[in-house]
Protein backbone atom coordinates (compact mmCIF):
# COMPACT_ATOMS: atom_id res chain seq x y z
CA MET A 1 3.59 19.31 8.25
CA ASP A 2 7.32 18.32 8.63
CA ASN A 3 8.48 16.03 11.33
CA LYS A 4 10.25 18.96 13.30
CA LEU A 5 7.00 20.88 13.52
CA ASN A 6 4.85 17.86 14.53
CA GLU A 7 7.51 17.34 17.30
CA SER A 8 7.55 21.06 18.34
CA LEU A 9 3.77 20.64 18.42
CA ARG A 10 3.78 17.33 20.75
CA LEU A 11 6.39 18.76 23.01
CA SER A 12 4.24 22.33 23.28
CA GLU A 13 1.14 20.10 24.20
CA GLU A 14 2.95 17.90 26.73
CA TYR A 15 4.14 21.02 28.26
CA PHE A 16 0.56 22.58 28.73
CA SER A 17 -0.78 19.14 30.05
CA ASP A 18 1.84 19.05 32.76
CA VAL A 19 1.66 22.59 33.78
CA VAL A 20 -2.23 22.40 33.87
CA LYS A 21 -2.40 18.77 35.60
CA ASN A 22 -0.10 19.59 38.33
CA ALA A 23 -2.18 22.66 39.04
CA ILE A 24 -5.63 20.79 39.34
CA ARG A 25 -6.74 19.63 43.00
CA THR A 26 -7.91 16.48 43.77
CA VAL A 27 -10.59 16.36 46.26
CA PRO A 28 -11.14 12.55 47.21
CA ASP A 29 -14.89 11.44 48.30
CA TRP A 30 -16.73 14.69 46.72
CA PRO A 31 -19.49 14.55 45.93
CA GLU A 32 -19.37 11.12 46.98
CA GLN A 33 -17.56 8.30 48.73
CA GLY A 34 -15.09 7.09 46.21
CA VAL A 35 -15.38 9.82 43.71
CA MET A 36 -11.94 11.85 43.05
CA PHE A 37 -13.01 15.39 42.14
CA ARG A 38 -10.70 16.94 39.84
CA ASP A 39 -11.35 20.79 40.91
CA ILE A 40 -10.06 22.99 38.30
CA THR A 41 -10.61 26.26 40.13
CA THR A 42 -7.04 25.93 41.38
CA ALA A 43 -5.72 26.19 38.04
CA LEU A 44 -8.26 29.07 37.42
CA GLN A 45 -6.83 30.86 40.50
CA ASP A 46 -3.17 30.80 39.26
CA ARG A 47 -2.74 33.50 36.85
CA THR A 48 0.41 31.66 35.06
CA VAL A 49 -1.59 28.27 34.52
CA PHE A 50 -4.67 29.77 33.73
CA ARG A 51 -3.00 31.52 30.97
CA LYS A 52 -1.11 28.44 29.76
CA LEU A 53 -4.47 26.89 29.97
CA ILE A 54 -5.96 29.22 27.36
CA ASP A 55 -2.62 29.07 25.41
CA ALA A 56 -3.03 24.95 25.18
CA PHE A 57 -6.42 25.88 23.10
CA ILE A 58 -5.16 28.72 21.24
CA HIS A 59 -2.03 26.98 19.77
CA ARG A 60 -4.15 24.12 19.17
CA TYR A 61 -6.99 25.99 16.98
CA HIS A 62 -5.66 29.38 16.17
CA HIS A 63 -4.60 28.21 12.26
CA LEU A 64 -8.34 27.07 11.69
CA SER A 65 -10.74 29.12 10.59
CA ILE A 66 -13.62 28.76 13.43
CA ASP A 67 -16.85 30.62 13.43
CA ALA A 68 -18.33 30.05 16.98
CA VAL A 69 -16.95 28.48 19.81
CA ALA A 70 -19.78 26.71 22.32
CA GLY A 71 -19.18 26.42 25.76
CA VAL A 72 -21.45 23.98 28.36
CA ASP A 73 -22.95 25.50 31.10
CA ALA A 74 -21.23 26.30 33.13
CA ARG A 75 -17.79 25.71 33.21
CA GLY A 76 -17.32 25.64 29.74
CA PHE A 77 -18.26 29.27 29.77
CA ILE A 78 -15.00 29.94 31.09
CA ILE A 79 -12.79 28.66 28.79
CA GLY A 80 -15.01 28.96 25.67
CA SER A 81 -15.72 32.87 25.87
CA VAL A 82 -11.98 33.28 26.41
CA LEU A 83 -11.20 31.13 23.54
CA ALA A 84 -13.97 32.72 21.12
CA TYR A 85 -12.46 36.04 21.94
CA GLU A 86 -9.01 34.94 21.30
CA LEU A 87 -9.91 32.96 17.85
CA ASN A 88 -12.13 36.22 16.90
CA ALA A 89 -15.31 33.86 16.77
CA SER A 90 -18.76 34.52 18.26
CA PHE A 91 -19.24 32.33 21.56
CA VAL A 92 -22.57 30.50 22.05
CA PRO A 93 -23.87 29.27 25.32
CA ILE A 94 -25.12 25.89 25.80
CA ARG A 95 -27.44 25.93 28.93
CA LYS A 96 -29.25 24.14 31.15
CA LYS A 97 -33.07 23.50 30.57
CA GLY A 98 -34.80 26.89 31.31
CA LYS A 99 -32.33 29.27 31.29
CA LEU A 100 -32.58 30.75 27.95
CA PRO A 101 -34.94 33.21 27.17
CA PHE A 102 -35.62 32.86 23.21
CA ASP A 103 -36.87 29.90 21.33
CA THR A 104 -34.48 27.09 22.00
CA VAL A 105 -33.79 23.42 20.89
CA SER A 106 -33.08 20.90 23.83
CA GLU A 107 -31.60 17.39 24.07
CA SER A 108 -31.91 15.11 27.32
CA TYR A 109 -29.05 12.61 28.64
CA GLU A 110 -28.68 10.01 31.11
CA LEU A 111 -26.58 10.69 34.30
CA GLU A 112 -25.68 8.15 37.01
CA TYR A 113 -28.61 9.41 39.07
CA GLY A 114 -31.13 10.58 36.36
CA LYS A 115 -31.81 12.86 33.58
CA ALA A 116 -30.68 16.16 32.55
CA GLU A 117 -31.56 18.47 29.43
CA VAL A 118 -29.40 20.95 27.44
CA GLU A 119 -30.61 23.63 25.44
CA ILE A 120 -29.66 26.11 22.79
CA HIS A 121 -31.08 29.20 21.07
CA LYS A 122 -32.60 28.08 17.58
CA ASP A 123 -30.63 30.91 15.67
CA ALA A 124 -27.09 30.15 17.33
CA PHE A 125 -25.39 29.17 14.15
CA LYS A 126 -25.72 29.69 10.31
CA GLN A 127 -25.98 26.87 8.37
CA GLY A 128 -22.40 25.20 8.03
CA ASP A 129 -20.63 27.31 10.82
CA LYS A 130 -17.72 25.93 12.27
CA VAL A 131 -17.55 25.03 15.88
CA ILE A 132 -15.28 24.00 18.94
CA LEU A 133 -17.34 22.23 21.42
CA VAL A 134 -15.85 23.08 24.72
CA ASP A 135 -16.45 21.91 28.65
CA ASP A 136 -14.34 21.51 31.64
CA LEU A 137 -14.41 17.67 31.83
CA ILE A 138 -15.18 14.71 29.74
CA ALA A 139 -16.21 11.67 32.26
CA THR A 140 -19.28 9.53 31.04
CA GLY A 141 -19.64 11.87 27.79
CA GLY A 142 -23.30 12.59 28.04
CA THR A 143 -23.25 16.29 28.44
CA LEU A 144 -21.04 16.87 25.06
CA LEU A 145 -22.85 13.96 23.48
CA ALA A 146 -26.28 15.99 24.09
CA ALA A 147 -24.61 19.43 23.16
CA SER A 148 -22.83 17.92 19.89
CA SER A 149 -26.46 16.83 18.94
CA LEU A 150 -27.54 20.20 19.25
CA ILE A 151 -25.15 22.25 17.13
CA GLU A 152 -25.43 19.28 14.52
CA ARG A 153 -29.49 20.03 14.26
CA LEU A 154 -28.62 23.56 14.05
CA GLY A 155 -26.72 22.84 11.03
CA ALA A 156 -23.17 23.66 12.21
CA GLU A 157 -20.13 21.11 11.67
CA ILE A 158 -18.29 20.46 15.07
CA ILE A 159 -14.31 20.44 14.44
CA GLU A 160 -13.81 19.06 17.91
CA ALA A 161 -15.41 18.33 21.28
CA ALA A 162 -12.65 19.98 23.49
CA ALA A 163 -12.09 19.53 27.61
CA ILE A 164 -9.70 20.73 30.13
CA ILE A 165 -9.65 17.40 31.70
CA ASP A 166 -10.49 13.52 30.21
CA LEU A 167 -11.22 10.72 32.37
CA PRO A 168 -10.77 8.18 29.70
CA ASP A 169 -11.52 5.24 32.41
CA LEU A 170 -14.95 6.63 32.27
CA GLY A 171 -15.52 5.92 28.49
CA GLY A 172 -16.66 9.68 27.51
CA SER A 173 -14.19 10.55 25.18
CA ARG A 174 -14.65 6.73 23.69
CA LYS A 175 -18.23 7.42 23.08
CA LEU A 176 -17.66 10.76 21.22
CA GLN A 177 -15.09 9.59 18.94
CA ASP A 178 -17.83 6.42 18.23
CA LYS A 179 -19.95 9.18 17.04
CA GLY A 180 -17.33 10.68 14.59
CA LEU A 181 -16.26 13.52 16.99
CA ALA A 182 -12.51 14.48 16.90
CA VAL A 183 -11.72 14.95 20.94
CA TYR A 184 -8.91 17.12 22.78
CA SER A 185 -8.16 17.59 26.27
CA VAL A 186 -5.46 19.41 27.63
CA CYS A 187 -4.77 16.65 30.05
CA GLN A 188 -5.87 13.19 31.80
CA PHE A 189 -6.89 11.77 34.67
CA GLU A 190 -6.85 8.05 35.16
CA GLY A 191 -8.77 6.07 37.49
CA GLY A 192 -11.88 8.44 36.99
């Protein structure tokens, strides 16, 4: 890519990031004392911001040949399904354990307060499918790491793990990158 195009893409990403970040509400001390909860519902409720949020992802991926978008239960469904539609790709839900009705594979992961498990249908992908993995937030990375393991076990290739928000101080994006995954977020909030 030439320098003018790279600069244009960078400015576009900065614009989308600023618009979305400014629309996200921060709720202090929820769900527990000391947590600064980043509430995306305010960004989703504003039709202009929601469109720009979706546009940020579309601009990033429209030139790629994507077979599927995999969205993580449940907020990853919001962005993932719309993105799949816009990219003319299939949408694959990665659900919490016990929510899918057909044959599944599952992966457990650690939470700060215990364990959780996600699962996917065994027939969700064809061998070699190119996939964008989407969730609303990258915090400690456990959910996206588990989801990426499921996708790879089924023989698909993850092009990128993407989220609306990254909380880089919690280390999740670094863990995903250490696993060899490309990572993208529309905006970041320092301090968790």
